[in-house]
mmCIF file of all heavy atoms, coordinates in Angstrom:
data_MODEL
# 
_entry.id   MODEL 
# 
loop_
_atom_site.group_PDB 
_atom_site.id 
_atom_site.type_symbol 
_atom_site.label_atom_id 
_atom_site.label_alt_id 
_atom_site.label_comp_id 
_atom_site.label_asym_id 
_atom_site.label_entity_id 
_atom_site.label_seq_id 
_atom_site.pdbx_PDB_ins_code 
_atom_site.Cartn_x 
_atom_site.Cartn_y 
_atom_site.Cartn_z 
_atom_site.occupancy 
_atom_site.B_iso_or_equiv 
_atom_site.pdbx_formal_charge 
_atom_site.auth_seq_id 
_atom_site.auth_comp_id 
_atom_site.auth_asym_id 
_atom_site.auth_atom_id 
_atom_site.pdbx_PDB_model_num 
ATOM 1   N N   . GLY A 1 1  ? 99.400  125.947 120.495 1.00 0.00 ? 1  GLY A N   1 
ATOM 2   C CA  . GLY A 1 1  ? 99.039  126.104 119.162 1.00 0.00 ? 1  GLY A CA  1 
ATOM 3   C C   . GLY A 1 1  ? 100.208 126.506 118.248 1.00 0.00 ? 1  GLY A C   1 
ATOM 4   O O   . GLY A 1 1  ? 100.343 126.025 117.114 1.00 0.00 ? 1  GLY A O   1 
ATOM 5   N N   . ALA A 1 2  ? 101.041 127.443 118.830 1.00 0.00 ? 2  ALA A N   1 
ATOM 6   C CA  . ALA A 1 2  ? 102.142 127.934 117.968 1.00 0.00 ? 2  ALA A CA  1 
ATOM 7   C C   . ALA A 1 2  ? 103.144 126.754 117.731 1.00 0.00 ? 2  ALA A C   1 
ATOM 8   O O   . ALA A 1 2  ? 103.760 126.571 116.679 1.00 0.00 ? 2  ALA A O   1 
ATOM 9   C CB  . ALA A 1 2  ? 102.883 129.068 118.681 1.00 0.00 ? 2  ALA A CB  1 
ATOM 10  N N   . LEU A 1 3  ? 103.370 125.903 118.763 1.00 0.00 ? 3  LEU A N   1 
ATOM 11  C CA  . LEU A 1 3  ? 104.252 124.729 118.698 1.00 0.00 ? 3  LEU A CA  1 
ATOM 12  C C   . LEU A 1 3  ? 103.771 123.746 117.655 1.00 0.00 ? 3  LEU A C   1 
ATOM 13  O O   . LEU A 1 3  ? 104.551 123.195 116.877 1.00 0.00 ? 3  LEU A O   1 
ATOM 14  C CB  . LEU A 1 3  ? 104.446 124.100 120.032 1.00 0.00 ? 3  LEU A CB  1 
ATOM 15  C CG  . LEU A 1 3  ? 105.410 122.847 120.049 1.00 0.00 ? 3  LEU A CG  1 
ATOM 16  C CD1 . LEU A 1 3  ? 106.780 123.283 119.612 1.00 0.00 ? 3  LEU A CD1 1 
ATOM 17  C CD2 . LEU A 1 3  ? 105.465 122.277 121.489 1.00 0.00 ? 3  LEU A CD2 1 
ATOM 18  N N   . ARG A 1 4  ? 102.454 123.498 117.608 1.00 0.00 ? 4  ARG A N   1 
ATOM 19  C CA  . ARG A 1 4  ? 101.921 122.535 116.655 1.00 0.00 ? 4  ARG A CA  1 
ATOM 20  C C   . ARG A 1 4  ? 102.147 123.030 115.280 1.00 0.00 ? 4  ARG A C   1 
ATOM 21  O O   . ARG A 1 4  ? 102.446 122.236 114.347 1.00 0.00 ? 4  ARG A O   1 
ATOM 22  C CB  . ARG A 1 4  ? 100.429 122.327 116.938 1.00 0.00 ? 4  ARG A CB  1 
ATOM 23  C CG  . ARG A 1 4  ? 100.084 121.449 118.126 1.00 0.00 ? 4  ARG A CG  1 
ATOM 24  C CD  . ARG A 1 4  ? 98.673  120.895 118.081 1.00 0.00 ? 4  ARG A CD  1 
ATOM 25  N NE  . ARG A 1 4  ? 97.667  121.987 118.045 1.00 0.00 ? 4  ARG A NE  1 
ATOM 26  C CZ  . ARG A 1 4  ? 97.165  122.543 119.080 1.00 0.00 ? 4  ARG A CZ  1 
ATOM 27  N NH1 . ARG A 1 4  ? 97.463  122.071 120.348 1.00 0.00 ? 4  ARG A NH1 1 
ATOM 28  N NH2 . ARG A 1 4  ? 96.261  123.557 119.012 1.00 0.00 ? 4  ARG A NH2 1 
ATOM 29  N N   . ARG A 1 5  ? 101.978 124.321 115.080 1.00 0.00 ? 5  ARG A N   1 
ATOM 30  C CA  . ARG A 1 5  ? 102.086 124.888 113.720 1.00 0.00 ? 5  ARG A CA  1 
ATOM 31  C C   . ARG A 1 5  ? 103.624 124.854 113.311 1.00 0.00 ? 5  ARG A C   1 
ATOM 32  O O   . ARG A 1 5  ? 103.886 124.546 112.143 1.00 0.00 ? 5  ARG A O   1 
ATOM 33  C CB  . ARG A 1 5  ? 101.638 126.328 113.692 1.00 0.00 ? 5  ARG A CB  1 
ATOM 34  C CG  . ARG A 1 5  ? 100.065 126.424 113.703 1.00 0.00 ? 5  ARG A CG  1 
ATOM 35  C CD  . ARG A 1 5  ? 99.617  127.783 114.020 1.00 0.00 ? 5  ARG A CD  1 
ATOM 36  N NE  . ARG A 1 5  ? 98.124  127.878 113.832 1.00 0.00 ? 5  ARG A NE  1 
ATOM 37  C CZ  . ARG A 1 5  ? 97.174  127.558 114.726 1.00 0.00 ? 5  ARG A CZ  1 
ATOM 38  N NH1 . ARG A 1 5  ? 97.636  127.085 115.917 1.00 0.00 ? 5  ARG A NH1 1 
ATOM 39  N NH2 . ARG A 1 5  ? 95.915  127.585 114.481 1.00 0.00 ? 5  ARG A NH2 1 
ATOM 40  N N   . LEU A 1 6  ? 104.476 125.130 114.247 1.00 0.00 ? 6  LEU A N   1 
ATOM 41  C CA  . LEU A 1 6  ? 105.889 124.989 113.896 1.00 0.00 ? 6  LEU A CA  1 
ATOM 42  C C   . LEU A 1 6  ? 106.298 123.581 113.538 1.00 0.00 ? 6  LEU A C   1 
ATOM 43  O O   . LEU A 1 6  ? 107.066 123.312 112.651 1.00 0.00 ? 6  LEU A O   1 
ATOM 44  C CB  . LEU A 1 6  ? 106.759 125.491 115.174 1.00 0.00 ? 6  LEU A CB  1 
ATOM 45  C CG  . LEU A 1 6  ? 108.278 125.350 115.047 1.00 0.00 ? 6  LEU A CG  1 
ATOM 46  C CD1 . LEU A 1 6  ? 108.825 126.045 113.827 1.00 0.00 ? 6  LEU A CD1 1 
ATOM 47  C CD2 . LEU A 1 6  ? 108.941 125.806 116.346 1.00 0.00 ? 6  LEU A CD2 1 
ATOM 48  N N   . GLU A 1 7  ? 105.799 122.598 114.323 1.00 0.00 ? 7  GLU A N   1 
ATOM 49  C CA  . GLU A 1 7  ? 106.031 121.214 114.070 1.00 0.00 ? 7  GLU A CA  1 
ATOM 50  C C   . GLU A 1 7  ? 105.478 120.779 112.630 1.00 0.00 ? 7  GLU A C   1 
ATOM 51  O O   . GLU A 1 7  ? 106.112 119.992 111.966 1.00 0.00 ? 7  GLU A O   1 
ATOM 52  C CB  . GLU A 1 7  ? 105.463 120.348 115.120 1.00 0.00 ? 7  GLU A CB  1 
ATOM 53  C CG  . GLU A 1 7  ? 106.241 120.411 116.470 1.00 0.00 ? 7  GLU A CG  1 
ATOM 54  C CD  . GLU A 1 7  ? 105.524 119.650 117.571 1.00 0.00 ? 7  GLU A CD  1 
ATOM 55  O OE1 . GLU A 1 7  ? 104.315 119.285 117.377 1.00 0.00 ? 7  GLU A OE1 1 
ATOM 56  O OE2 . GLU A 1 7  ? 106.254 119.250 118.572 1.00 0.00 ? 7  GLU A OE2 1 
ATOM 57  N N   . ALA A 1 8  ? 104.351 121.348 112.256 1.00 0.00 ? 8  ALA A N   1 
ATOM 58  C CA  . ALA A 1 8  ? 103.776 121.084 110.928 1.00 0.00 ? 8  ALA A CA  1 
ATOM 59  C C   . ALA A 1 8  ? 104.695 121.530 109.745 1.00 0.00 ? 8  ALA A C   1 
ATOM 60  O O   . ALA A 1 8  ? 104.898 120.810 108.864 1.00 0.00 ? 8  ALA A O   1 
ATOM 61  C CB  . ALA A 1 8  ? 102.457 121.766 110.731 1.00 0.00 ? 8  ALA A CB  1 
ATOM 62  N N   . VAL A 1 9  ? 105.344 122.651 109.953 1.00 0.00 ? 9  VAL A N   1 
ATOM 63  C CA  . VAL A 1 9  ? 106.277 123.118 109.014 1.00 0.00 ? 9  VAL A CA  1 
ATOM 64  C C   . VAL A 1 9  ? 107.504 122.217 108.929 1.00 0.00 ? 9  VAL A C   1 
ATOM 65  O O   . VAL A 1 9  ? 108.049 121.864 107.889 1.00 0.00 ? 9  VAL A O   1 
ATOM 66  C CB  . VAL A 1 9  ? 106.701 124.625 109.313 1.00 0.00 ? 9  VAL A CB  1 
ATOM 67  C CG1 . VAL A 1 9  ? 107.767 125.067 108.207 1.00 0.00 ? 9  VAL A CG1 1 
ATOM 68  C CG2 . VAL A 1 9  ? 105.551 125.454 109.293 1.00 0.00 ? 9  VAL A CG2 1 
ATOM 69  N N   . LEU A 1 10 ? 108.071 121.875 110.082 1.00 0.00 ? 10 LEU A N   1 
ATOM 70  C CA  . LEU A 1 10 ? 109.269 121.008 110.111 1.00 0.00 ? 10 LEU A CA  1 
ATOM 71  C C   . LEU A 1 10 ? 108.944 119.632 109.599 1.00 0.00 ? 10 LEU A C   1 
ATOM 72  O O   . LEU A 1 10 ? 109.840 119.058 108.931 1.00 0.00 ? 10 LEU A O   1 
ATOM 73  C CB  . LEU A 1 10 ? 109.776 120.955 111.553 1.00 0.00 ? 10 LEU A CB  1 
ATOM 74  C CG  . LEU A 1 10 ? 110.177 122.275 112.206 1.00 0.00 ? 10 LEU A CG  1 
ATOM 75  C CD1 . LEU A 1 10 ? 110.709 122.033 113.623 1.00 0.00 ? 10 LEU A CD1 1 
ATOM 76  C CD2 . LEU A 1 10 ? 111.248 122.918 111.398 1.00 0.00 ? 10 LEU A CD2 1 
ATOM 77  N N   . GLU A 1 11 ? 107.800 119.114 109.824 1.00 0.00 ? 11 GLU A N   1 
ATOM 78  C CA  . GLU A 1 11 ? 107.385 117.804 109.270 1.00 0.00 ? 11 GLU A CA  1 
ATOM 79  C C   . GLU A 1 11 ? 107.289 117.862 107.732 1.00 0.00 ? 11 GLU A C   1 
ATOM 80  O O   . GLU A 1 11 ? 107.622 116.859 107.076 1.00 0.00 ? 11 GLU A O   1 
ATOM 81  C CB  . GLU A 1 11 ? 106.054 117.352 109.961 1.00 0.00 ? 11 GLU A CB  1 
ATOM 82  C CG  . GLU A 1 11 ? 106.164 116.914 111.283 1.00 0.00 ? 11 GLU A CG  1 
ATOM 83  C CD  . GLU A 1 11 ? 104.800 116.733 112.016 1.00 0.00 ? 11 GLU A CD  1 
ATOM 84  O OE1 . GLU A 1 11 ? 103.790 116.849 111.286 1.00 0.00 ? 11 GLU A OE1 1 
ATOM 85  O OE2 . GLU A 1 11 ? 104.757 116.405 113.154 1.00 0.00 ? 11 GLU A OE2 1 
ATOM 86  N N   . CYS A 1 12 ? 106.861 118.976 107.222 1.00 0.00 ? 12 CYS A N   1 
ATOM 87  C CA  . CYS A 1 12 ? 106.781 119.161 105.776 1.00 0.00 ? 12 CYS A CA  1 
ATOM 88  C C   . CYS A 1 12 ? 108.199 119.085 105.185 1.00 0.00 ? 12 CYS A C   1 
ATOM 89  O O   . CYS A 1 12 ? 108.384 118.453 104.117 1.00 0.00 ? 12 CYS A O   1 
ATOM 90  C CB  . CYS A 1 12 ? 106.096 120.523 105.438 1.00 0.00 ? 12 CYS A CB  1 
ATOM 91  S SG  . CYS A 1 12 ? 105.954 120.866 103.662 1.00 0.00 ? 12 CYS A SG  1 
ATOM 92  N N   . ARG A 1 13 ? 109.103 119.816 105.761 1.00 0.00 ? 13 ARG A N   1 
ATOM 93  C CA  . ARG A 1 13 ? 110.609 119.730 105.332 1.00 0.00 ? 13 ARG A CA  1 
ATOM 94  C C   . ARG A 1 13 ? 110.997 118.280 105.319 1.00 0.00 ? 13 ARG A C   1 
ATOM 95  O O   . ARG A 1 13 ? 111.630 117.817 104.409 1.00 0.00 ? 13 ARG A O   1 
ATOM 96  C CB  . ARG A 1 13 ? 111.434 120.579 106.185 1.00 0.00 ? 13 ARG A CB  1 
ATOM 97  C CG  . ARG A 1 13 ? 111.144 122.049 106.121 1.00 0.00 ? 13 ARG A CG  1 
ATOM 98  C CD  . ARG A 1 13 ? 112.204 122.863 106.896 1.00 0.00 ? 13 ARG A CD  1 
ATOM 99  N NE  . ARG A 1 13 ? 113.512 122.852 106.216 1.00 0.00 ? 13 ARG A NE  1 
ATOM 100 C CZ  . ARG A 1 13 ? 114.666 123.060 106.887 1.00 0.00 ? 13 ARG A CZ  1 
ATOM 101 N NH1 . ARG A 1 13 ? 114.661 123.301 108.149 1.00 0.00 ? 13 ARG A NH1 1 
ATOM 102 N NH2 . ARG A 1 13 ? 115.791 123.077 106.213 1.00 0.00 ? 13 ARG A NH2 1 
ATOM 103 N N   . THR A 1 14 ? 110.785 117.533 106.402 1.00 0.00 ? 14 THR A N   1 
ATOM 104 C CA  . THR A 1 14 ? 111.283 116.186 106.473 1.00 0.00 ? 14 THR A CA  1 
ATOM 105 C C   . THR A 1 14 ? 110.605 115.235 105.413 1.00 0.00 ? 14 THR A C   1 
ATOM 106 O O   . THR A 1 14 ? 111.288 114.435 104.824 1.00 0.00 ? 14 THR A O   1 
ATOM 107 C CB  . THR A 1 14 ? 110.887 115.611 107.904 1.00 0.00 ? 14 THR A CB  1 
ATOM 108 O OG1 . THR A 1 14 ? 111.493 116.436 108.868 1.00 0.00 ? 14 THR A OG1 1 
ATOM 109 C CG2 . THR A 1 14 ? 111.402 114.155 108.016 1.00 0.00 ? 14 THR A CG2 1 
ATOM 110 N N   . ALA A 1 15 ? 109.269 115.526 105.159 1.00 0.00 ? 15 ALA A N   1 
ATOM 111 C CA  . ALA A 1 15 ? 108.536 114.737 104.103 1.00 0.00 ? 15 ALA A CA  1 
ATOM 112 C C   . ALA A 1 15 ? 109.181 114.943 102.759 1.00 0.00 ? 15 ALA A C   1 
ATOM 113 O O   . ALA A 1 15 ? 109.326 114.013 101.985 1.00 0.00 ? 15 ALA A O   1 
ATOM 114 C CB  . ALA A 1 15 ? 107.094 115.041 104.151 1.00 0.00 ? 15 ALA A CB  1 
ATOM 115 N N   . ILE A 1 16 ? 109.418 116.198 102.452 1.00 0.00 ? 16 ILE A N   1 
ATOM 116 C CA  . ILE A 1 16 ? 110.053 116.455 101.128 1.00 0.00 ? 16 ILE A CA  1 
ATOM 117 C C   . ILE A 1 16 ? 111.406 115.858 100.963 1.00 0.00 ? 16 ILE A C   1 
ATOM 118 O O   . ILE A 1 16 ? 111.737 115.335 99.922  1.00 0.00 ? 16 ILE A O   1 
ATOM 119 C CB  . ILE A 1 16 ? 110.057 118.020 100.866 1.00 0.00 ? 16 ILE A CB  1 
ATOM 120 C CG1 . ILE A 1 16 ? 108.566 118.517 100.798 1.00 0.00 ? 16 ILE A CG1 1 
ATOM 121 C CG2 . ILE A 1 16 ? 110.848 118.364 99.614  1.00 0.00 ? 16 ILE A CG2 1 
ATOM 122 C CD1 . ILE A 1 16 ? 108.468 120.051 100.721 1.00 0.00 ? 16 ILE A CD1 1 
ATOM 123 N N   . GLU A 1 17 ? 112.188 115.909 102.008 1.00 0.00 ? 17 GLU A N   1 
ATOM 124 C CA  . GLU A 1 17 ? 113.417 115.306 101.982 1.00 0.00 ? 17 GLU A CA  1 
ATOM 125 C C   . GLU A 1 17 ? 113.358 113.802 101.871 1.00 0.00 ? 17 GLU A C   1 
ATOM 126 O O   . GLU A 1 17 ? 114.319 113.216 101.211 1.00 0.00 ? 17 GLU A O   1 
ATOM 127 C CB  . GLU A 1 17 ? 114.224 115.672 103.320 1.00 0.00 ? 17 GLU A CB  1 
ATOM 128 C CG  . GLU A 1 17 ? 115.685 115.323 103.276 1.00 0.00 ? 17 GLU A CG  1 
ATOM 129 C CD  . GLU A 1 17 ? 116.513 116.093 102.281 1.00 0.00 ? 17 GLU A CD  1 
ATOM 130 O OE1 . GLU A 1 17 ? 116.079 117.344 101.928 1.00 0.00 ? 17 GLU A OE1 1 
ATOM 131 O OE2 . GLU A 1 17 ? 117.514 115.626 101.752 1.00 0.00 ? 17 GLU A OE2 1 
ATOM 132 N N   . ALA A 1 18 ? 112.283 113.158 102.286 1.00 0.00 ? 18 ALA A N   1 
ATOM 133 C CA  . ALA A 1 18 ? 112.083 111.778 102.125 1.00 0.00 ? 18 ALA A CA  1 
ATOM 134 C C   . ALA A 1 18 ? 111.374 111.438 100.804 1.00 0.00 ? 18 ALA A C   1 
ATOM 135 O O   . ALA A 1 18 ? 110.920 110.332 100.592 1.00 0.00 ? 18 ALA A O   1 
ATOM 136 C CB  . ALA A 1 18 ? 111.268 111.256 103.243 1.00 0.00 ? 18 ALA A CB  1 
ATOM 137 N N   . ASN A 1 19 ? 111.353 112.465 99.829  1.00 0.00 ? 19 ASN A N   1 
ATOM 138 C CA  . ASN A 1 19 ? 110.846 112.241 98.473  1.00 0.00 ? 19 ASN A CA  1 
ATOM 139 C C   . ASN A 1 19 ? 109.358 112.175 98.367  1.00 0.00 ? 19 ASN A C   1 
ATOM 140 O O   . ASN A 1 19 ? 108.858 111.638 97.408  1.00 0.00 ? 19 ASN A O   1 
ATOM 141 C CB  . ASN A 1 19 ? 111.463 111.070 97.804  1.00 0.00 ? 19 ASN A CB  1 
ATOM 142 C CG  . ASN A 1 19 ? 112.950 111.281 97.403  1.00 0.00 ? 19 ASN A CG  1 
ATOM 143 O OD1 . ASN A 1 19 ? 113.228 112.410 97.005  1.00 0.00 ? 19 ASN A OD1 1 
ATOM 144 N ND2 . ASN A 1 19 ? 113.728 110.250 97.407  1.00 0.00 ? 19 ASN A ND2 1 
ATOM 145 N N   . VAL A 1 20 ? 108.559 112.677 99.372  1.00 0.00 ? 20 VAL A N   1 
ATOM 146 C CA  . VAL A 1 20 ? 107.228 112.859 99.240  1.00 0.00 ? 20 VAL A CA  1 
ATOM 147 C C   . VAL A 1 20 ? 106.970 113.988 98.168  1.00 0.00 ? 20 VAL A C   1 
ATOM 148 O O   . VAL A 1 20 ? 107.774 114.985 98.115  1.00 0.00 ? 20 VAL A O   1 
ATOM 149 C CB  . VAL A 1 20 ? 106.516 113.212 100.551 1.00 0.00 ? 20 VAL A CB  1 
ATOM 150 C CG1 . VAL A 1 20 ? 105.084 113.609 100.360 1.00 0.00 ? 20 VAL A CG1 1 
ATOM 151 C CG2 . VAL A 1 20 ? 106.682 112.166 101.586 1.00 0.00 ? 20 VAL A CG2 1 
ATOM 152 N N   . LYS A 1 21 ? 105.951 113.861 97.316  1.00 0.00 ? 21 LYS A N   1 
ATOM 153 C CA  . LYS A 1 21 ? 105.721 114.909 96.361  1.00 0.00 ? 21 LYS A CA  1 
ATOM 154 C C   . LYS A 1 21 ? 105.561 116.231 97.062  1.00 0.00 ? 21 LYS A C   1 
ATOM 155 O O   . LYS A 1 21 ? 104.690 116.373 98.029  1.00 0.00 ? 21 LYS A O   1 
ATOM 156 C CB  . LYS A 1 21 ? 104.445 114.560 95.606  1.00 0.00 ? 21 LYS A CB  1 
ATOM 157 C CG  . LYS A 1 21 ? 104.594 113.339 94.637  1.00 0.00 ? 21 LYS A CG  1 
ATOM 158 C CD  . LYS A 1 21 ? 105.414 113.690 93.442  1.00 0.00 ? 21 LYS A CD  1 
ATOM 159 C CE  . LYS A 1 21 ? 105.463 112.619 92.441  1.00 0.00 ? 21 LYS A CE  1 
ATOM 160 N NZ  . LYS A 1 21 ? 106.298 112.903 91.304  1.00 0.00 ? 21 LYS A NZ  1 
ATOM 161 N N   . PRO A 1 22 ? 106.254 117.259 96.627  1.00 0.00 ? 22 PRO A N   1 
ATOM 162 C CA  . PRO A 1 22 ? 106.200 118.537 97.308  1.00 0.00 ? 22 PRO A CA  1 
ATOM 163 C C   . PRO A 1 22 ? 104.838 119.086 97.442  1.00 0.00 ? 22 PRO A C   1 
ATOM 164 O O   . PRO A 1 22 ? 104.413 119.671 98.506  1.00 0.00 ? 22 PRO A O   1 
ATOM 165 C CB  . PRO A 1 22 ? 107.077 119.437 96.432  1.00 0.00 ? 22 PRO A CB  1 
ATOM 166 C CG  . PRO A 1 22 ? 108.069 118.497 95.807  1.00 0.00 ? 22 PRO A CG  1 
ATOM 167 C CD  . PRO A 1 22 ? 107.305 117.274 95.582  1.00 0.00 ? 22 PRO A CD  1 
ATOM 168 N N   . ARG A 1 23 ? 103.959 118.990 96.330  1.00 0.00 ? 23 ARG A N   1 
ATOM 169 C CA  . ARG A 1 23 ? 102.595 119.435 96.423  1.00 0.00 ? 23 ARG A CA  1 
ATOM 170 C C   . ARG A 1 23 ? 101.784 118.868 97.546  1.00 0.00 ? 23 ARG A C   1 
ATOM 171 O O   . ARG A 1 23 ? 101.047 119.519 98.232  1.00 0.00 ? 23 ARG A O   1 
ATOM 172 C CB  . ARG A 1 23 ? 101.905 119.364 95.101  1.00 0.00 ? 23 ARG A CB  1 
ATOM 173 C CG  . ARG A 1 23 ? 100.491 120.073 95.053  1.00 0.00 ? 23 ARG A CG  1 
ATOM 174 C CD  . ARG A 1 23 ? 100.013 120.119 93.678  1.00 0.00 ? 23 ARG A CD  1 
ATOM 175 N NE  . ARG A 1 23 ? 100.735 120.981 92.850  1.00 0.00 ? 23 ARG A NE  1 
ATOM 176 C CZ  . ARG A 1 23 ? 100.478 122.325 92.760  1.00 0.00 ? 23 ARG A CZ  1 
ATOM 177 N NH1 . ARG A 1 23 ? 99.551  122.880 93.523  1.00 0.00 ? 23 ARG A NH1 1 
ATOM 178 N NH2 . ARG A 1 23 ? 101.292 123.054 91.890  1.00 0.00 ? 23 ARG A NH2 1 
ATOM 179 N N   . ILE A 1 24 ? 101.925 117.543 97.641  1.00 0.00 ? 24 ILE A N   1 
ATOM 180 C CA  . ILE A 1 24 ? 101.208 116.747 98.640  1.00 0.00 ? 24 ILE A CA  1 
ATOM 181 C C   . ILE A 1 24 ? 101.611 117.232 100.034 1.00 0.00 ? 24 ILE A C   1 
ATOM 182 O O   . ILE A 1 24 ? 100.783 117.427 100.945 1.00 0.00 ? 24 ILE A O   1 
ATOM 183 C CB  . ILE A 1 24 ? 101.354 115.295 98.421  1.00 0.00 ? 24 ILE A CB  1 
ATOM 184 C CG1 . ILE A 1 24 ? 100.677 114.876 97.150  1.00 0.00 ? 24 ILE A CG1 1 
ATOM 185 C CG2 . ILE A 1 24 ? 100.723 114.439 99.623  1.00 0.00 ? 24 ILE A CG2 1 
ATOM 186 C CD1 . ILE A 1 24 ? 100.848 113.460 96.749  1.00 0.00 ? 24 ILE A CD1 1 
ATOM 187 N N   . ALA A 1 25 ? 102.966 117.295 100.274 1.00 0.00 ? 25 ALA A N   1 
ATOM 188 C CA  . ALA A 1 25 ? 103.453 117.628 101.500 1.00 0.00 ? 25 ALA A CA  1 
ATOM 189 C C   . ALA A 1 25 ? 103.030 119.075 101.923 1.00 0.00 ? 25 ALA A C   1 
ATOM 190 O O   . ALA A 1 25 ? 102.685 119.313 103.117 1.00 0.00 ? 25 ALA A O   1 
ATOM 191 C CB  . ALA A 1 25 ? 104.969 117.545 101.509 1.00 0.00 ? 25 ALA A CB  1 
# 
């Protein structure tokens, strides 16, 4: 469960870097 949550944060960083709207990410 901790790993899934960590991956969710890292995926959010990647999405914002790919120009996904920050609020949506």
